[in-house]
Structures are given as structure tokens and as C-alpha cells.
Amino acid sequence: MAEKEFVAEVTIEYKPVLSDPEGSVIANDLMKRHGFESVQDVRTAKLLKVRLKASSREKAKELVERMCRELRLANPISQNYVIHIL
């Protein structure tokens, strides 16, 4: 089977039970300095876009999942990640 090109988006963010210092700073700035009182919370995330070749969408996801685990792209103790294959 010929390999196809895929783009994987990996979104990495702090687990919901942990504080997000950068998000807190942004939220405070929006609310206090710029008058966006309706803002309740801001959470930040990192987005990785990986272009790769694989025989199927499932194989592409498996490969990216392996990359995340072996390269520790996210800290499993404090972060979650979600993989979307486009």
C-alpha cells in the first residue's frame, strides 16, 4: 500500500486540576487592564503540527502517539495531549 501524506495536530495543555500560570496572567490582563469582565478563565496550550507519511490515518496516529510517548513531548504527570490527524 502506498504511503500518503498526513498532517497531525498535537495539542498539549496542563491538566485541568493544575494551575496554568500563563493563562492566569492573560486572564487577569484581559479583565483588569482591558475591561473584559466577562472572561472567567484562560488556559493556554501548545500546538505542534507534524507532517508525515503513513499507509493510513490510523498508522499516522499510532506513529504520532509513539513520538509523543518516546520523545516526551508532553509531561504525562502535568499535561494532557490530543492528536488530530487532518
N, C-alpha and C. Protein backbone atom coordinates (compact mmCIF):
# COMPACT_ATOMS: atom_id res chain seq x y z
N MET A 1 0.83 -1.18 0.00
CA MET A 1 0.00 0.00 0.00
C MET A 1 0.88 1.25 0.00
N ALA A 2 0.59 2.17 -0.86
CA ALA A 2 1.38 3.39 -0.97
C ALA A 2 1.14 4.30 0.24
N GLU A 3 2.20 4.95 0.65
CA GLU A 3 2.07 5.87 1.78
C GLU A 3 1.48 7.19 1.32
N LYS A 4 0.68 7.79 2.17
CA LYS A 4 0.07 9.10 1.91
C LYS A 4 0.64 10.09 2.90
N GLU A 5 0.51 11.35 2.57
CA GLU A 5 0.97 12.39 3.48
C GLU A 5 -0.19 12.81 4.38
N PHE A 6 0.11 12.94 5.66
CA PHE A 6 -0.86 13.39 6.65
C PHE A 6 -0.27 14.54 7.44
N VAL A 7 -1.14 15.33 8.02
CA VAL A 7 -0.73 16.36 8.97
C VAL A 7 -1.40 16.02 10.29
N ALA A 8 -0.58 15.92 11.32
CA ALA A 8 -1.11 15.66 12.66
C ALA A 8 -0.98 16.93 13.47
N GLU A 9 -2.05 17.27 14.18
CA GLU A 9 -2.00 18.37 15.13
C GLU A 9 -2.04 17.78 16.52
N VAL A 10 -1.03 18.13 17.31
CA VAL A 10 -0.93 17.65 18.68
C VAL A 10 -1.12 18.87 19.59
N THR A 11 -2.19 18.87 20.36
CA THR A 11 -2.46 19.95 21.30
C THR A 11 -2.05 19.48 22.69
N ILE A 12 -1.17 20.24 23.33
CA ILE A 12 -0.63 19.89 24.64
C ILE A 12 -1.05 20.99 25.62
N GLU A 13 -1.67 20.59 26.73
CA GLU A 13 -2.07 21.58 27.73
C GLU A 13 -1.97 21.00 29.13
N TYR A 14 -1.92 21.90 30.12
CA TYR A 14 -1.89 21.46 31.51
C TYR A 14 -3.18 20.71 31.84
N LYS A 15 -3.08 19.73 32.70
CA LYS A 15 -4.26 19.02 33.17
C LYS A 15 -5.18 20.02 33.88
N PRO A 16 -6.50 19.81 33.78
CA PRO A 16 -7.45 20.78 34.35
C PRO A 16 -7.29 21.03 35.85
N VAL A 17 -6.79 20.06 36.60
CA VAL A 17 -6.64 20.23 38.04
C VAL A 17 -5.42 21.08 38.41
N LEU A 18 -4.54 21.34 37.44
CA LEU A 18 -3.33 22.12 37.71
C LEU A 18 -3.50 23.56 37.27
N SER A 19 -2.79 24.45 37.94
CA SER A 19 -2.86 25.86 37.55
C SER A 19 -2.09 26.06 36.23
N ASP A 20 -2.50 27.08 35.52
CA ASP A 20 -1.87 27.46 34.26
C ASP A 20 -1.40 28.91 34.45
N PRO A 21 -0.15 29.12 34.91
CA PRO A 21 0.31 30.46 35.22
C PRO A 21 0.20 31.45 34.05
N GLU A 22 0.56 31.00 32.87
CA GLU A 22 0.48 31.89 31.71
C GLU A 22 -0.97 32.26 31.42
N GLY A 23 -1.87 31.30 31.50
CA GLY A 23 -3.28 31.56 31.29
C GLY A 23 -3.83 32.53 32.33
N SER A 24 -3.40 32.40 33.59
CA SER A 24 -3.85 33.30 34.65
C SER A 24 -3.42 34.73 34.40
N VAL A 25 -2.19 34.91 33.94
CA VAL A 25 -1.69 36.25 33.63
C VAL A 25 -2.51 36.87 32.51
N ILE A 26 -2.79 36.09 31.47
CA ILE A 26 -3.58 36.59 30.34
C ILE A 26 -4.99 36.95 30.81
N ALA A 27 -5.61 36.08 31.60
CA ALA A 27 -6.97 36.35 32.10
C ALA A 27 -7.00 37.61 32.93
N ASN A 28 -6.05 37.76 33.85
CA ASN A 28 -6.00 38.97 34.69
C ASN A 28 -5.81 40.21 33.86
N ASP A 29 -4.95 40.15 32.87
CA ASP A 29 -4.71 41.29 32.00
C ASP A 29 -5.97 41.66 31.22
N LEU A 30 -6.66 40.67 30.70
CA LEU A 30 -7.90 40.93 29.95
C LEU A 30 -8.96 41.56 30.84
N MET A 31 -9.11 41.03 32.06
CA MET A 31 -10.16 41.51 32.96
C MET A 31 -9.84 42.86 33.57
N LYS A 32 -8.65 43.00 34.12
CA LYS A 32 -8.32 44.19 34.90
C LYS A 32 -7.83 45.36 34.05
N ARG A 33 -7.00 45.08 33.08
CA ARG A 33 -6.39 46.17 32.32
C ARG A 33 -7.18 46.55 31.08
N HIS A 34 -7.98 45.62 30.58
CA HIS A 34 -8.67 45.89 29.31
C HIS A 34 -10.19 45.80 29.41
N GLY A 35 -10.71 45.59 30.61
CA GLY A 35 -12.14 45.68 30.83
C GLY A 35 -12.99 44.53 30.32
N PHE A 36 -12.41 43.39 30.06
CA PHE A 36 -13.20 42.23 29.63
C PHE A 36 -13.66 41.44 30.85
N GLU A 37 -14.61 42.04 31.59
CA GLU A 37 -15.07 41.44 32.83
C GLU A 37 -15.74 40.09 32.64
N SER A 38 -16.21 39.80 31.45
CA SER A 38 -16.90 38.53 31.20
C SER A 38 -15.94 37.34 31.13
N VAL A 39 -14.64 37.58 31.04
CA VAL A 39 -13.66 36.49 30.98
C VAL A 39 -13.62 35.80 32.34
N GLN A 40 -13.86 34.51 32.36
CA GLN A 40 -13.84 33.72 33.59
C GLN A 40 -12.51 33.02 33.81
N ASP A 41 -11.87 32.57 32.73
CA ASP A 41 -10.64 31.81 32.85
C ASP A 41 -9.98 31.73 31.48
N VAL A 42 -8.68 31.59 31.47
CA VAL A 42 -7.94 31.38 30.23
C VAL A 42 -6.97 30.23 30.48
N ARG A 43 -6.95 29.27 29.57
CA ARG A 43 -6.00 28.17 29.62
C ARG A 43 -5.15 28.23 28.35
N THR A 44 -3.88 28.02 28.47
CA THR A 44 -3.01 28.04 27.31
C THR A 44 -2.71 26.60 26.86
N ALA A 45 -2.29 26.49 25.61
CA ALA A 45 -1.94 25.19 25.05
C ALA A 45 -0.84 25.41 24.01
N LYS A 46 -0.11 24.35 23.76
CA LYS A 46 0.91 24.36 22.71
C LYS A 46 0.39 23.48 21.58
N LEU A 47 0.54 23.94 20.35
CA LEU A 47 0.10 23.18 19.19
C LEU A 47 1.30 22.80 18.35
N LEU A 48 1.46 21.49 18.12
CA LEU A 48 2.51 21.00 17.23
C LEU A 48 1.84 20.50 15.96
N LYS A 49 2.38 20.87 14.81
CA LYS A 49 1.90 20.34 13.54
C LYS A 49 3.01 19.48 12.97
N VAL A 50 2.69 18.21 12.76
CA VAL A 50 3.68 17.25 12.26
C VAL A 50 3.20 16.73 10.92
N ARG A 51 4.00 16.93 9.90
CA ARG A 51 3.67 16.39 8.57
C ARG A 51 4.44 15.08 8.43
N LEU A 52 3.74 14.02 8.07
CA LEU A 52 4.38 12.72 7.99
C LEU A 52 3.72 11.86 6.93
N LYS A 53 4.40 10.78 6.57
CA LYS A 53 3.86 9.81 5.62
C LYS A 53 3.53 8.53 6.36
N ALA A 54 2.38 7.95 6.00
CA ALA A 54 1.97 6.68 6.60
C ALA A 54 1.01 6.00 5.64
N SER A 55 0.80 4.71 5.86
CA SER A 55 -0.07 3.94 4.97
C SER A 55 -1.55 4.22 5.21
N SER A 56 -1.90 4.72 6.40
CA SER A 56 -3.30 5.02 6.71
C SER A 56 -3.37 6.07 7.81
N ARG A 57 -4.56 6.61 7.99
CA ARG A 57 -4.80 7.59 9.04
C ARG A 57 -4.50 6.96 10.42
N GLU A 58 -4.91 5.71 10.61
CA GLU A 58 -4.68 5.02 11.88
C GLU A 58 -3.19 4.84 12.15
N LYS A 59 -2.44 4.46 11.11
CA LYS A 59 -0.99 4.28 11.27
C LYS A 59 -0.32 5.61 11.57
N ALA A 60 -0.79 6.68 10.94
CA ALA A 60 -0.24 8.02 11.20
C ALA A 60 -0.46 8.38 12.67
N LYS A 61 -1.67 8.12 13.18
CA LYS A 61 -1.96 8.44 14.58
C LYS A 61 -1.11 7.60 15.51
N GLU A 62 -0.95 6.32 15.21
CA GLU A 62 -0.10 5.45 16.03
C GLU A 62 1.34 5.96 16.08
N LEU A 63 1.85 6.40 14.94
CA LEU A 63 3.22 6.91 14.88
C LEU A 63 3.37 8.19 15.71
N VAL A 64 2.43 9.09 15.59
CA VAL A 64 2.49 10.34 16.36
C VAL A 64 2.33 10.06 17.85
N GLU A 65 1.46 9.12 18.19
CA GLU A 65 1.31 8.72 19.59
C GLU A 65 2.63 8.20 20.14
N ARG A 66 3.32 7.40 19.36
CA ARG A 66 4.63 6.87 19.77
C ARG A 66 5.64 8.00 19.95
N MET A 67 5.62 8.96 19.02
CA MET A 67 6.53 10.12 19.13
C MET A 67 6.29 10.86 20.45
N CYS A 68 5.00 11.08 20.76
CA CYS A 68 4.66 11.80 21.99
C CYS A 68 5.17 11.07 23.23
N ARG A 69 5.00 9.76 23.25
CA ARG A 69 5.44 8.98 24.41
C ARG A 69 6.96 8.90 24.50
N GLU A 70 7.62 8.50 23.40
CA GLU A 70 9.06 8.26 23.44
C GLU A 70 9.88 9.53 23.55
N LEU A 71 9.42 10.60 22.93
CA LEU A 71 10.16 11.86 23.00
C LEU A 71 9.69 12.75 24.15
N ARG A 72 8.66 12.27 24.85
CA ARG A 72 8.08 13.01 25.97
C ARG A 72 7.74 14.45 25.55
N LEU A 73 7.01 14.57 24.48
CA LEU A 73 6.60 15.88 24.00
C LEU A 73 5.69 16.56 25.02
N ALA A 74 5.00 15.76 25.81
CA ALA A 74 4.18 16.27 26.91
C ALA A 74 4.60 15.56 28.18
N ASN A 75 4.56 16.28 29.29
CA ASN A 75 4.88 15.68 30.57
C ASN A 75 3.63 14.94 31.06
N PRO A 76 3.67 13.61 31.13
CA PRO A 76 2.46 12.85 31.48
C PRO A 76 1.94 13.13 32.89
N ILE A 77 2.76 13.67 33.75
CA ILE A 77 2.33 13.98 35.11
C ILE A 77 1.48 15.25 35.14
N SER A 78 1.86 16.26 34.36
CA SER A 78 1.18 17.54 34.45
C SER A 78 0.41 17.95 33.19
N GLN A 79 0.58 17.21 32.09
CA GLN A 79 -0.04 17.64 30.85
C GLN A 79 -0.82 16.50 30.17
N ASN A 80 -1.83 16.90 29.43
CA ASN A 80 -2.57 16.02 28.54
C ASN A 80 -2.26 16.42 27.12
N TYR A 81 -2.44 15.49 26.20
CA TYR A 81 -2.33 15.86 24.79
C TYR A 81 -3.40 15.14 24.00
N VAL A 82 -3.78 15.79 22.89
CA VAL A 82 -4.79 15.25 21.99
C VAL A 82 -4.20 15.29 20.59
N ILE A 83 -4.37 14.20 19.84
CA ILE A 83 -3.85 14.12 18.48
C ILE A 83 -5.03 14.12 17.51
N HIS A 84 -4.95 15.01 16.53
CA HIS A 84 -5.92 15.05 15.44
C HIS A 84 -5.17 14.85 14.13
N ILE A 85 -5.59 13.89 13.33
CA ILE A 85 -4.98 13.67 12.02
C ILE A 85 -5.87 14.36 11.01
N LEU A 86 -5.27 15.29 10.26
CA LEU A 86 -6.04 16.06 9.26
C LEU A 86 -5.98 15.38 7.91
